[in-house]
Every structure is written in structure tokens, then in C-alpha cells.
């Protein structure tokens, strides 16, 4: 019997697959549409417009009017905060529906939709957190540096029109991380969801409109990166671009920002190391690292610890625990509570992962388990069995490329200095993990790692902590006060308190 998700689609239904421009629903001027196919079954789920340059121009102009002339930027801070808090509660109330839409979008199982990092709860908490900054993140008053009778102060003002471009793998969290601080700061937004995870985002937008957001404050253009995304990042009336995705697209955004000096926030992936020291619980470390690489998103997470740097004394114990996790991963209908992981998002990514696995074997890495396409009932889907490579040299391609699939590379080390050197020997710097029973070592190593977030004996998402990367993992941070401030401009004001010239 073939796997199917159509019965779930009929039960849940889909939100209106239209553009949202200045509060009005509409189709693309060209009439072009995208048909979304489910990654687990290749079944057609639904269609939505592919916004072209004219549609994007309409949306940006609507956001520009809403910012320059509309009510949202000047709305009293108490009302703005109450609206966003109200929206956060609405998200929680619709959590089950949204999890179902995500499963129809990207195949992420409902079981992962209840894990905090992949849940609707984390999105609601992000909105609550940023709503809390609205009446707190002001400027400063400073004493006159040169003396005299005047007042020196700074003001924080919204940056303007924001282009927010989402990936497909974590639509709840990443919608919140971009839209919440932008709206909290008083910006207006043109949002482009991924073509591989559109319907869950459209429903989140509907709920925000229902919460009372004024027309034009949030506009939505659906479509592909090549057409819709390119028109958005190059539009001269966009003041800031916030993007999560590949380094290649990130470089294009930086290039496109140059003519008008757009502000840019980029989160561009990683090849995050987990450093496992001999005094650590190596079994727990192996299960944790392999779980991050396989469970839920099937390794399609930018911060997954895909490089395990393991001390030789606990190497075999670590591998044994990682193999247990690999053997326990289940695939299939994402609505089945027994299914623990997802398919790869499309056939192109499936082929890329299988190609990287083959090249790693040719480079001399030892394939311990997995790394093949699933067959039988799963043959129509983009499923790859969890792979573990042992005896990996840190210079191998499999240890340097972001695979974005269920593949763990295990690299041996001898001492702390070597572990830190190997961990930092990468173009990326998004996340890292340190596994040790020695608190002093944990903090010492964390300080030496060139990574934006370091977890000690575990890893979790916190809405109030900044998240982002060093080196080629991106620019700027999402989460916390720093994210709110990234959607503002800082203005200095000098006010004389006498009639004398300053």
C-alpha cells in the first residue's frame, strides 16, 4: 500500500493561497502558480501564486505607504504590545492546526511539532518576548561631553520597510524571529515564505490579520527565490533584508544591498562541531549528536551538530550510542505519532545528499551505517537512512560541507588543544556543543570556540537569547534585545537649553 497524506489534507484544509497586498488578497499579475508536492509522497497538496516583479513592487509600495503614512509605526506602544501579545495567544490556540499544515508543507512529523524548538509555542514565546521590548528599548540621555547647557540624547526609530525571506525547515520559529522584532520596532514587512513551506506561514499571517494588524503593515508575496525573492531583494524601496538560507543566496543579497546600502541580517548555516571529552557521558553525547542530525528534521537544521569531534578514549562508546539512535529513527506518514523524522525536502536535495555520501566513501571515510535511499512503502518519498561516517579527517569534504541531511561525521582527537583547533577549522561558525563533566573545561573551551551559540552537555532554543553565527554563518543576530535593535536606526539629538549658540 502506497503512503498518502491526502486524507489529512482534506481533514485540515488549506488557507487561501493568495498574495496579501495592502490588506487585500489577490493572484499574481502573470497568472503563474506553483504546485506544491509533498516530499514524503510526491502528491500534489495545493497551489499558490508566483509573484513577479510587478507584484513585488505593489507589495513593497504598500509597505512603504503603511510605514510613511499608515498607523502602525506611530501606534501607541501599549496598543502595539497588546496586539502582539494577543497574537501570541492566538498562535497557541491554533497550534494543532498549524502543526498539521506544517506536516503538509515540509513533511516534518507531528511528533517533532511538539518539541519546543519546532513547535508553535516557541513562535508564540518569541512574539511575547519582542512585544515586551516595545516600551523598554529606548534611547539614552547623556551628559554634555564639552560642558555647557544642552541635552544630548539618542532615539531608536524603526528602520522602515523590511523584506523577510524564510526557509522551509522551521517556519514557525523563523517567521516569529523575523516578523516579531520588525513589527515590535514599528517597521512594515514584505514577507516571502519558502515555496516548500507556504501554507503554514499563510495561516500564521491570517491569524495576525485577525488579531488586528492594520492593512499594509504585513504583506505577503509567494513564489520562488529566482523570481519573487530576486525582485524583493533588489527593490530600491526596501530598507532592510532579513534572510535565513544558503551562503550562495546570502552572497547575492549582500551584492543586491550595495546600490542602496540596505541593512542586512543573514543566517547562513553551519557545520557545527560537538566536542566530546573523555570525562563526558559518551553514550549520552552520541545519542544527543545523532538525535540532532536525524530526528525531526532529518539533519535539515542549520545548527545541527553534524561534526562529532570525539576523544579516542571514548570513541567506540560514542559510535555505539549513535548507531542505536540511527537504528531507532522511523519514517513514514508525518501524521503518525510513531514517525520520528522527515523526508528530505525535494529530489534535488535527496540527490545531493546521496552524492555527498558516495564521495565521502571514495575519500576514505568509513561508513558505519545508513546513507541509502529508503525503499518499499517509502520509495516515492525523499527518504535517506541515517548515516554515520567514522574515521573522518577534518579536511574531507564530508567534514566541511553542510550536508543538510541525516549524516554525522565522527572525527577523533587526542587532547583539548587539538579538539579546539579542529572545531574552529571551518568556514562556518553557527553553533557548537561541549560534552564534559569538568565545568572549568566546559567554560574554557566554550570561550575558545568561534561559534555564535555553544551548548554544554546539550543544546536548546531560548527566545530571549541572540542566535547567529561567526564567519560565513552570517551577519547579525536573531532573538533577544539585539534582534529588536537590528530593526531600528539610532538617532542622536542635541537640544540647547539656553538661547546661546552651541
Protein backbone atom coordinates (compact mmCIF):
# COMPACT_ATOMS: atom_id res chain seq x y z
CA UNK A 1 0.00 0.00 0.00
CA UNK A 2 1.38 3.39 -1.00
CA UNK A 3 1.90 6.12 1.54
CA UNK A 4 -0.57 9.02 1.21
CA UNK A 5 -1.27 12.27 3.03
CA UNK A 6 -4.37 13.28 1.07
CA UNK A 7 -6.80 12.28 3.81
CA UNK A 8 -5.02 14.70 6.16
CA UNK A 9 -5.17 17.48 3.61
CA UNK A 10 -8.92 17.00 3.25
CA UNK A 11 -9.37 17.00 7.03
CA UNK A 12 -7.21 20.06 7.77
CA UNK A 13 -7.89 22.14 4.67
CA UNK A 14 -5.57 24.81 3.32
CA UNK A 15 -5.57 28.59 3.87
CA UNK A 16 -6.21 30.93 0.97
CA UNK A 17 -3.17 30.55 -1.30
CA UNK A 18 -3.07 34.18 -2.42
CA UNK A 19 -0.80 37.17 -2.21
CA UNK A 20 -1.57 39.70 0.50
CA UNK A 21 -1.01 43.28 -0.64
CA UNK A 22 -2.20 46.25 1.39
CA UNK A 23 -4.68 44.05 3.23
CA UNK A 24 -6.21 42.62 0.05
CA UNK A 25 -5.99 39.08 -1.32
CA UNK A 26 -5.02 38.72 -4.98
CA UNK A 27 -3.39 36.49 -7.56
CA UNK A 28 -0.15 37.15 -9.43
CA UNK A 29 -0.48 39.52 -12.38
CA UNK A 30 1.13 36.93 -14.67
CA UNK A 31 -1.22 34.17 -13.56
CA UNK A 32 1.78 31.93 -12.78
CA UNK A 33 1.33 29.43 -9.96
CA UNK A 34 3.43 26.92 -8.02
CA UNK A 35 2.12 23.43 -7.29
CA UNK A 36 3.46 22.09 -4.03
CA UNK A 37 4.25 18.38 -3.90
CA UNK A 38 4.61 16.60 -0.60
CA UNK A 39 8.19 15.42 -0.01
CA UNK A 40 7.10 12.11 1.52
CA UNK A 41 4.72 11.05 -1.25
CA UNK A 42 5.10 13.42 -4.24
CA UNK A 43 1.35 14.05 -4.06
CA UNK A 44 0.03 17.45 -5.10
CA UNK A 45 -1.00 19.40 -2.00
CA UNK A 46 -2.04 22.81 -3.32
CA UNK A 47 -1.14 25.78 -5.48
CA UNK A 48 -0.31 29.41 -4.85
CA UNK A 49 0.79 32.38 -6.98
CA UNK A 50 4.33 33.04 -8.14
CA UNK A 51 4.70 36.77 -7.56
CA UNK A 52 6.63 38.56 -10.28
CA UNK A 53 8.43 41.88 -10.20
CA UNK A 54 5.19 43.87 -10.59
CA UNK A 55 3.52 42.03 -7.72
CA UNK A 56 6.55 42.55 -5.51
CA UNK A 57 6.58 46.24 -6.44
CA UNK A 58 2.93 46.52 -5.40
CA UNK A 59 3.67 44.85 -2.07
CA UNK A 60 6.73 46.98 -1.32
CA UNK A 61 4.86 50.16 -2.24
CA UNK A 62 2.04 49.12 0.09
CA UNK A 63 4.53 48.55 2.90
CA UNK A 64 6.18 51.88 2.10
CA UNK A 65 2.85 53.73 2.33
CA UNK A 66 2.00 51.91 5.54
CA UNK A 67 5.31 52.99 7.02
CA UNK A 68 5.36 56.58 5.76
CA UNK A 69 1.66 57.37 6.12
CA UNK A 70 -0.03 54.49 7.97
CA UNK A 71 -0.88 53.99 11.61
CA UNK A 72 1.39 51.09 12.59
CA UNK A 73 4.74 52.91 13.14
CA UNK A 74 3.05 55.62 15.22
CA UNK A 75 0.66 53.36 17.09
CA UNK A 76 0.95 53.91 20.86
CA UNK A 77 3.38 51.38 22.24
CA UNK A 78 0.80 49.92 24.63
CA UNK A 79 -1.60 49.12 21.79
CA UNK A 80 1.17 47.65 19.64
CA UNK A 81 2.32 45.43 22.50
CA UNK A 82 -1.21 44.25 23.32
CA UNK A 83 -1.82 43.30 19.69
CA UNK A 84 1.33 41.18 19.52
CA UNK A 85 0.58 39.53 22.88
CA UNK A 86 -2.94 38.80 21.63
CA UNK A 87 -1.47 37.25 18.50
CA UNK A 88 0.84 35.05 20.58
CA UNK A 89 -2.19 33.62 22.38
CA UNK A 90 -3.93 33.04 19.05
CA UNK A 91 -0.93 31.02 17.86
CA UNK A 92 -1.15 28.81 20.94
CA UNK A 93 -4.88 28.30 20.40
CA UNK A 94 -4.29 27.18 16.79
CA UNK A 95 -1.21 25.08 17.49
CA UNK A 96 -2.70 21.76 16.40
CA UNK A 97 -3.95 23.18 13.10
CA UNK A 98 -0.60 24.83 12.38
CA UNK A 99 1.34 21.64 13.13
CA UNK A 100 -0.87 19.84 10.63
CA UNK A 101 -0.24 22.47 7.97
CA UNK A 102 3.50 22.22 8.56
CA UNK A 103 3.32 18.45 8.10
CA UNK A 104 1.54 19.05 4.77
CA UNK A 105 4.15 21.62 3.80
CA UNK A 106 7.52 20.08 4.57
CA UNK A 107 6.77 16.62 5.92
CA UNK A 108 8.03 17.36 9.43
CA UNK A 109 6.18 14.89 11.68
CA UNK A 110 3.68 15.94 14.30
CA UNK A 111 5.93 14.31 16.89
CA UNK A 112 8.58 16.98 16.25
CA UNK A 113 5.96 19.73 16.20
CA UNK A 114 5.56 19.21 19.95
CA UNK A 115 9.30 19.57 20.63
CA UNK A 116 9.85 23.14 21.77
CA UNK A 117 12.34 24.20 19.07
CA UNK A 118 10.00 23.03 16.31
CA UNK A 119 6.72 23.98 17.95
CA UNK A 120 4.17 26.75 17.69
CA UNK A 121 4.89 27.50 21.36
CA UNK A 122 8.36 28.80 20.55
CA UNK A 123 6.90 31.15 17.94
CA UNK A 124 4.34 32.45 20.43
CA UNK A 125 7.06 32.97 23.02
CA UNK A 126 9.17 34.93 20.52
CA UNK A 127 6.23 37.27 19.86
CA UNK A 128 5.64 37.68 23.60
CA UNK A 129 9.32 38.39 24.16
CA UNK A 130 9.57 41.09 21.49
CA UNK A 131 6.26 42.63 22.46
CA UNK A 132 7.85 43.12 25.85
CA UNK A 133 10.63 45.25 24.37
CA UNK A 134 8.29 47.77 22.76
CA UNK A 135 8.07 50.03 25.80
CA UNK A 136 11.58 49.33 27.10
CA UNK A 137 14.17 49.57 24.32
CA UNK A 138 14.52 53.33 24.14
CA UNK A 139 17.48 55.63 23.73
CA UNK A 140 19.70 57.36 26.28
CA UNK A 141 20.27 60.79 27.71
CA UNK A 142 23.94 61.67 28.05
CA UNK A 143 25.80 64.42 29.89
CA UNK A 144 27.34 67.12 27.68
CA UNK A 145 30.88 65.96 26.93
CA UNK A 146 32.23 69.50 26.50
CA UNK A 147 30.10 71.07 29.20
CA UNK A 148 27.51 73.75 28.51
CA UNK A 149 23.80 73.85 28.98
CA UNK A 150 22.35 71.39 26.49
CA UNK A 151 20.89 67.92 26.37
CA UNK A 152 22.44 65.08 24.38
CA UNK A 153 20.20 62.11 23.68
CA UNK A 154 19.69 59.16 21.40
CA UNK A 155 16.45 57.85 19.91
CA UNK A 156 15.63 54.45 18.45
CA UNK A 157 13.37 54.61 15.42
CA UNK A 158 12.04 51.85 13.14
CA UNK A 159 14.27 51.13 10.18
CA UNK A 160 11.45 51.17 7.60
CA UNK A 161 10.35 48.53 5.10
CA UNK A 162 11.70 45.05 5.82
CA UNK A 163 11.96 42.17 3.34
CA UNK A 164 11.75 38.95 5.39
CA UNK A 165 12.66 35.80 3.47
CA UNK A 166 12.03 32.46 5.18
CA UNK A 167 13.43 28.97 4.64
CA UNK A 168 11.22 25.89 4.66
CA UNK A 169 12.63 23.90 7.58
CA UNK A 170 11.38 25.85 10.63
CA UNK A 171 8.52 28.09 9.51
CA UNK A 172 7.08 28.70 13.00
CA UNK A 173 10.30 29.82 14.66
CA UNK A 174 11.74 31.73 11.72
CA UNK A 175 8.51 33.56 10.91
CA UNK A 176 8.50 34.74 14.51
CA UNK A 177 12.19 35.59 14.65
CA UNK A 178 11.86 37.94 11.69
CA UNK A 179 8.33 39.31 11.85
CA UNK A 180 8.07 39.77 15.64
CA UNK A 181 11.02 42.16 16.15
CA UNK A 182 10.26 44.00 12.91
CA UNK A 183 6.65 44.72 13.87
CA UNK A 184 7.57 45.38 17.50
CA UNK A 185 10.03 48.06 16.37
CA UNK A 186 7.35 49.70 14.20
CA UNK A 187 8.59 48.52 10.80
CA UNK A 188 6.38 47.29 7.99
CA UNK A 189 7.13 43.97 6.31
CA UNK A 190 7.01 42.23 2.95
CA UNK A 191 7.24 38.52 3.70
CA UNK A 192 8.29 35.78 1.30
CA UNK A 193 7.80 32.24 2.63
CA UNK A 194 9.65 29.33 1.09
CA UNK A 195 7.79 27.68 -1.78
CA UNK A 196 8.33 24.43 0.15
CA UNK A 197 6.57 25.67 3.32
CA UNK A 198 3.97 28.23 2.34
CA UNK A 199 0.60 27.14 3.69
CA UNK A 200 1.57 27.06 7.37
CA UNK A 201 3.02 30.58 7.02
CA UNK A 202 -0.08 31.85 5.22
CA UNK A 203 -2.21 30.64 8.13
CA UNK A 204 0.08 32.39 10.62
CA UNK A 205 -0.39 35.57 8.60
CA UNK A 206 -4.19 35.14 8.59
CA UNK A 207 -4.17 34.88 12.37
CA UNK A 208 -2.07 38.04 12.63
CA UNK A 209 -4.53 39.93 10.44
CA UNK A 210 -7.38 38.60 12.57
CA UNK A 211 -5.57 39.89 15.65
CA UNK A 212 -5.98 43.42 14.27
CA UNK A 213 -2.79 44.21 12.35
CA UNK A 214 -3.51 47.17 10.03
CA UNK A 215 -3.51 46.60 6.27
CA UNK A 216 -0.14 47.15 4.65
CA UNK A 217 1.86 46.54 7.82
CA UNK A 218 2.47 42.95 6.69
CA UNK A 219 2.33 41.99 3.02
CA UNK A 220 2.97 38.52 1.60
CA UNK A 221 4.45 37.55 -1.76
CA UNK A 222 4.65 33.83 -2.53
CA UNK A 223 6.81 32.17 -5.14
CA UNK A 224 10.32 31.06 -5.93
CA UNK A 225 13.61 32.58 -4.92
CA UNK A 226 14.71 33.10 -8.51
CA UNK A 227 11.64 35.17 -9.40
CA UNK A 228 9.96 36.50 -6.27
CA UNK A 229 12.95 36.63 -3.97
CA UNK A 230 15.19 38.33 -6.53
CA UNK A 231 12.60 41.05 -7.17
CA UNK A 232 12.27 41.62 -3.42
CA UNK A 233 15.96 41.88 -2.50
CA UNK A 234 16.69 44.25 -5.37
CA UNK A 235 13.75 46.61 -4.79
CA UNK A 236 15.09 50.11 -4.04
CA UNK A 237 12.32 50.93 -1.53
CA UNK A 238 13.29 48.05 0.79
CA UNK A 239 15.33 49.33 3.75
CA UNK A 240 16.38 46.00 5.28
CA UNK A 241 16.60 42.37 4.19
CA UNK A 242 16.41 39.56 6.73
CA UNK A 243 17.19 36.13 5.28
CA UNK A 244 17.83 32.59 6.50
CA UNK A 245 19.20 30.11 3.99
CA UNK A 246 22.24 29.21 1.93
CA UNK A 247 25.54 31.06 1.70
CA UNK A 248 25.13 31.41 -2.06
CA UNK A 249 21.86 33.31 -1.69
CA UNK A 250 23.33 35.28 1.20
CA UNK A 251 26.15 36.49 -1.04
CA UNK A 252 23.62 37.52 -3.67
CA UNK A 253 21.69 39.51 -1.04
CA UNK A 254 24.84 41.32 0.04
CA UNK A 255 25.52 42.22 -3.61
CA UNK A 256 21.94 43.37 -4.13
CA UNK A 257 22.06 45.51 -0.99
CA UNK A 258 25.03 47.55 -2.19
CA UNK A 259 23.31 50.07 -4.54
CA UNK A 260 21.03 51.41 -1.78
CA UNK A 261 23.07 50.22 1.25
CA UNK A 262 20.22 48.13 2.59
CA UNK A 263 20.65 46.87 6.13
CA UNK A 264 21.10 43.10 6.10
CA UNK A 265 20.64 40.27 8.60
CA UNK A 266 21.75 36.84 7.37
CA UNK A 267 21.75 33.37 8.94
CA UNK A 268 23.60 31.13 6.51
CA UNK A 269 24.03 27.70 8.00
CA UNK A 270 26.79 25.80 9.70
CA UNK A 271 28.96 22.75 10.14
CA UNK A 272 28.65 22.72 13.88
CA UNK A 273 31.01 20.57 15.99
CA UNK A 274 30.22 18.56 19.10
CA UNK A 275 33.38 18.17 21.20
CA UNK A 276 33.24 15.02 23.34
CA UNK A 277 35.91 14.80 26.04
CA UNK A 278 36.98 11.60 27.84
CA UNK A 279 35.24 12.52 31.10
CA UNK A 280 31.90 13.06 29.34
CA UNK A 281 28.96 10.69 29.30
CA UNK A 282 29.93 9.49 25.83
CA UNK A 283 26.78 7.46 25.37
CA UNK A 284 24.57 10.45 26.06
CA UNK A 285 26.75 12.59 23.79
CA UNK A 286 26.42 10.07 20.97
CA UNK A 287 22.65 9.92 21.32
CA UNK A 288 22.40 13.71 21.51
CA UNK A 289 24.55 14.40 18.46
CA UNK A 290 22.92 11.69 16.33
CA UNK A 291 19.49 12.80 17.50
CA UNK A 292 20.15 16.35 16.33
CA UNK A 293 21.27 15.03 12.94
CA UNK A 294 18.43 12.58 12.37
CA UNK A 295 15.30 13.16 14.47
CA UNK A 296 12.64 15.67 13.47
CA UNK A 297 14.19 17.48 10.52
CA UNK A 298 16.38 14.62 9.29
CA UNK A 299 19.50 16.74 9.60
CA UNK A 300 17.99 19.67 7.72
CA UNK A 301 18.77 22.12 10.51
CA UNK A 302 21.46 24.76 10.26
CA UNK A 303 22.67 24.35 13.84
CA UNK A 304 22.71 20.52 13.94
CA UNK A 305 25.98 19.11 15.33
CA UNK A 306 26.99 17.31 12.13
CA UNK A 307 30.68 17.03 13.11
CA UNK A 308 31.39 15.00 16.23
CA UNK A 309 34.94 15.52 17.49
CA UNK A 310 35.41 12.61 19.90
CA UNK A 311 38.34 11.78 22.19
CA UNK A 312 39.94 8.48 21.25
CA UNK A 313 39.33 7.02 24.73
CA UNK A 314 35.53 7.17 24.30
CA UNK A 315 35.34 6.89 20.52
CA UNK A 316 33.81 3.41 20.34
CA UNK A 317 31.30 4.12 23.09
CA UNK A 318 30.17 7.26 21.25
CA UNK A 319 29.78 5.38 17.95
CA UNK A 320 27.77 2.61 19.59
CA UNK A 321 25.29 5.07 21.09
CA UNK A 322 25.00 6.98 17.79
CA UNK A 323 24.23 3.70 15.99
CA UNK A 324 21.41 2.97 18.45
CA UNK A 325 19.77 6.29 17.59
CA UNK A 326 20.25 5.70 13.86
CA UNK A 327 18.53 2.34 14.15
CA UNK A 328 15.59 3.81 16.08
CA UNK A 329 14.64 6.53 13.58
CA UNK A 330 11.26 5.91 11.93
CA UNK A 331 9.89 7.42 8.72
CA UNK A 332 6.50 7.47 7.02
CA UNK A 333 3.23 9.34 7.40
CA UNK A 334 4.12 12.59 9.25
CA UNK A 335 0.72 12.44 10.97
CA UNK A 336 1.55 9.06 12.55
CA UNK A 337 2.70 9.69 16.16
CA UNK A 338 5.21 6.86 15.78
CA UNK A 339 7.07 8.61 12.96
CA UNK A 340 10.09 10.47 14.30
CA UNK A 341 11.72 12.10 11.30
CA UNK A 342 11.03 13.71 7.96
CA UNK A 343 11.94 13.25 4.31
CA UNK A 344 14.43 15.50 2.60
CA UNK A 345 12.63 18.49 1.19
CA UNK A 346 12.92 17.73 -2.54
CA UNK A 347 14.52 15.37 -5.04
CA UNK A 348 17.40 17.76 -5.73
CA UNK A 349 18.41 17.66 -2.06
CA UNK A 350 17.97 13.89 -1.99
CA UNK A 351 20.37 13.51 -4.91
CA UNK A 352 22.84 15.94 -3.33
CA UNK A 353 22.94 14.05 -0.03
CA UNK A 354 23.39 10.67 -1.73
CA UNK A 355 26.17 12.13 -3.88
CA UNK A 356 27.99 13.51 -0.81
CA UNK A 357 27.70 10.11 0.91
CA UNK A 358 29.23 8.40 -2.13
CA UNK A 359 32.06 10.91 -2.37
CA UNK A 360 32.83 10.54 1.35
CA UNK A 361 33.27 6.78 0.90
CA UNK A 362 35.59 7.39 -2.03
CA UNK A 363 37.59 9.86 0.10
CA UNK A 364 38.24 7.11 2.64
CA UNK A 365 35.69 7.83 5.37
CA UNK A 366 34.29 4.63 6.92
CA UNK A 367 30.52 4.31 6.51
CA UNK A 368 29.28 2.67 9.71
CA UNK A 369 25.60 2.57 8.78
CA UNK A 370 22.93 4.06 6.51
CA UNK A 371 23.29 6.56 3.73
CA UNK A 372 20.95 4.88 1.23
CA UNK A 373 17.55 5.79 -0.15
CA UNK A 374 14.66 4.12 1.65
CA UNK A 375 12.61 1.62 -0.35
CA UNK A 376 9.32 -0.20 -0.05
CA UNK A 377 6.41 1.98 1.07
CA UNK A 378 8.80 4.93 1.33
CA UNK A 379 10.25 4.62 -2.17
CA UNK A 380 8.23 7.52 -3.60
CA UNK A 381 9.46 9.90 -0.91
CA UNK A 382 12.75 11.69 -0.43
CA UNK A 383 13.95 9.48 2.44
CA UNK A 384 17.61 8.72 3.23
CA UNK A 385 18.53 6.36 6.05
CA UNK A 386 20.66 7.92 8.85
CA UNK A 387 24.36 7.73 8.04
CA UNK A 388 27.39 7.68 10.34
CA UNK A 389 30.89 8.15 8.99
CA UNK A 390 33.76 7.19 11.29
CA UNK A 391 37.49 7.87 11.00
CA UNK A 392 36.80 11.11 9.20
CA UNK A 393 39.65 13.51 8.54
CA UNK A 394 38.60 17.09 9.22
CA UNK A 395 39.90 18.06 5.78
CA UNK A 396 37.49 15.74 3.96
CA UNK A 397 34.59 17.25 2.05
CA UNK A 398 32.06 15.44 4.27
CA UNK A 399 33.53 17.25 7.29
CA UNK A 400 33.49 20.66 5.63
CA UNK A 401 30.34 20.83 3.50
CA UNK A 402 26.95 21.48 5.06
CA UNK A 403 25.15 18.28 4.02
CA UNK A 404 21.66 19.25 5.23
CA UNK A 405 20.72 15.63 5.61
CA UNK A 406 20.94 12.82 8.21
CA UNK A 407 24.71 12.40 8.07
CA UNK A 408 27.10 12.52 11.06
CA UNK A 409 30.86 12.75 10.58
CA UNK A 410 32.92 11.49 13.54
CA UNK A 411 36.47 12.83 13.86
CA UNK A 412 38.89 11.50 16.53
CA UNK A 413 41.10 13.77 18.64
CA UNK A 414 43.78 13.32 21.31
CA UNK A 415 43.76 16.42 23.52
CA UNK A 416 41.91 19.66 24.21
CA UNK A 417 44.08 21.86 22.03
CA UNK A 418 43.59 19.57 19.05
CA UNK A 419 39.83 19.46 19.64
CA UNK A 420 39.55 23.26 19.66
CA UNK A 421 41.75 23.56 16.58
CA UNK A 422 39.62 21.05 14.65
CA UNK A 423 36.38 22.67 15.81
CA UNK A 424 37.48 26.10 14.58
CA UNK A 425 38.93 24.76 11.32
CA UNK A 426 35.81 25.53 9.28
CA UNK A 427 34.36 28.37 7.24
CA UNK A 428 31.25 28.24 9.42
CA UNK A 429 30.65 29.39 12.99
CA UNK A 430 26.99 28.97 13.88
CA UNK A 431 26.85 26.54 16.79
CA UNK A 432 28.85 24.06 18.82
CA UNK A 433 28.49 21.63 21.69
CA UNK A 434 30.87 20.75 24.52
CA UNK A 435 30.42 17.46 26.38
CA UNK A 436 32.43 17.16 29.59
CA UNK A 437 31.99 16.67 33.34
CA UNK A 438 34.57 19.39 34.06
CA UNK A 439 32.86 22.78 34.46
CA UNK A 440 36.13 24.68 34.13
CA UNK A 441 36.95 22.90 30.88
CA UNK A 442 33.43 23.46 29.57
CA UNK A 443 33.67 27.21 30.03
CA UNK A 444 37.30 27.39 28.89
CA UNK A 445 36.54 25.56 25.64
CA UNK A 446 33.31 27.49 25.05
CA UNK A 447 35.30 30.74 25.23
CA UNK A 448 37.76 29.45 22.61
CA UNK A 449 35.17 28.27 20.08
CA UNK A 450 34.39 30.59 17.18
CA UNK A 451 30.66 29.96 17.18
CA UNK A 452 27.59 32.05 17.89
CA UNK A 453 25.91 29.58 20.27
CA UNK A 454 27.63 26.94 22.40
CA UNK A 455 25.66 24.31 24.28
CA UNK A 456 27.25 22.46 27.19
CA UNK A 457 26.12 18.85 27.60
CA UNK A 458 23.06 19.65 25.49
CA UNK A 459 21.52 22.26 23.26
CA UNK A 460 18.24 24.17 23.28
CA UNK A 461 16.48 27.19 21.84
CA UNK A 462 15.73 30.23 24.02
CA UNK A 463 13.58 33.09 22.63
CA UNK A 464 15.46 35.73 24.61
CA UNK A 465 18.99 34.68 23.57
CA UNK A 466 20.68 36.07 20.45
CA UNK A 467 21.16 33.48 17.71
CA UNK A 468 23.52 33.80 14.76
CA UNK A 469 26.96 32.96 13.55
CA UNK A 470 30.60 33.86 13.23
CA UNK A 471 32.48 33.83 9.92
CA UNK A 472 30.45 32.63 6.92
CA UNK A 473 27.50 31.58 9.05
CA UNK A 474 26.03 35.03 8.63
CA UNK A 475 25.63 38.62 9.74
CA UNK A 476 23.77 39.85 12.81
CA UNK A 477 21.65 38.03 15.36
CA UNK A 478 18.05 36.94 15.78
CA UNK A 479 16.47 36.69 19.21
CA UNK A 480 16.79 38.86 22.28
CA UNK A 481 17.26 42.61 22.54
CA UNK A 482 19.90 42.64 19.81
CA UNK A 483 17.31 41.41 17.30
CA UNK A 484 14.84 44.14 18.24
CA UNK A 485 17.55 46.79 17.90
CA UNK A 486 18.55 45.40 14.48
CA UNK A 487 15.21 46.68 13.15
CA UNK A 488 15.89 50.22 14.38
CA UNK A 489 18.06 53.18 13.43
CA UNK A 490 19.88 55.07 16.17
CA UNK A 491 19.49 58.85 16.01
CA UNK A 492 21.45 61.40 18.06
CA UNK A 493 19.66 64.62 19.10
CA UNK A 494 21.25 67.74 20.62
CA UNK A 495 18.91 70.14 22.39
CA UNK A 496 20.20 73.51 23.70
CA UNK A 497 18.61 74.59 26.96
CA UNK A 498 19.54 78.28 26.58
CA UNK A 499 19.32 80.84 23.80
CA UNK A 500 23.11 80.78 23.34
CA UNK A 501 24.53 79.02 20.28
CA UNK A 502 26.12 75.67 20.99
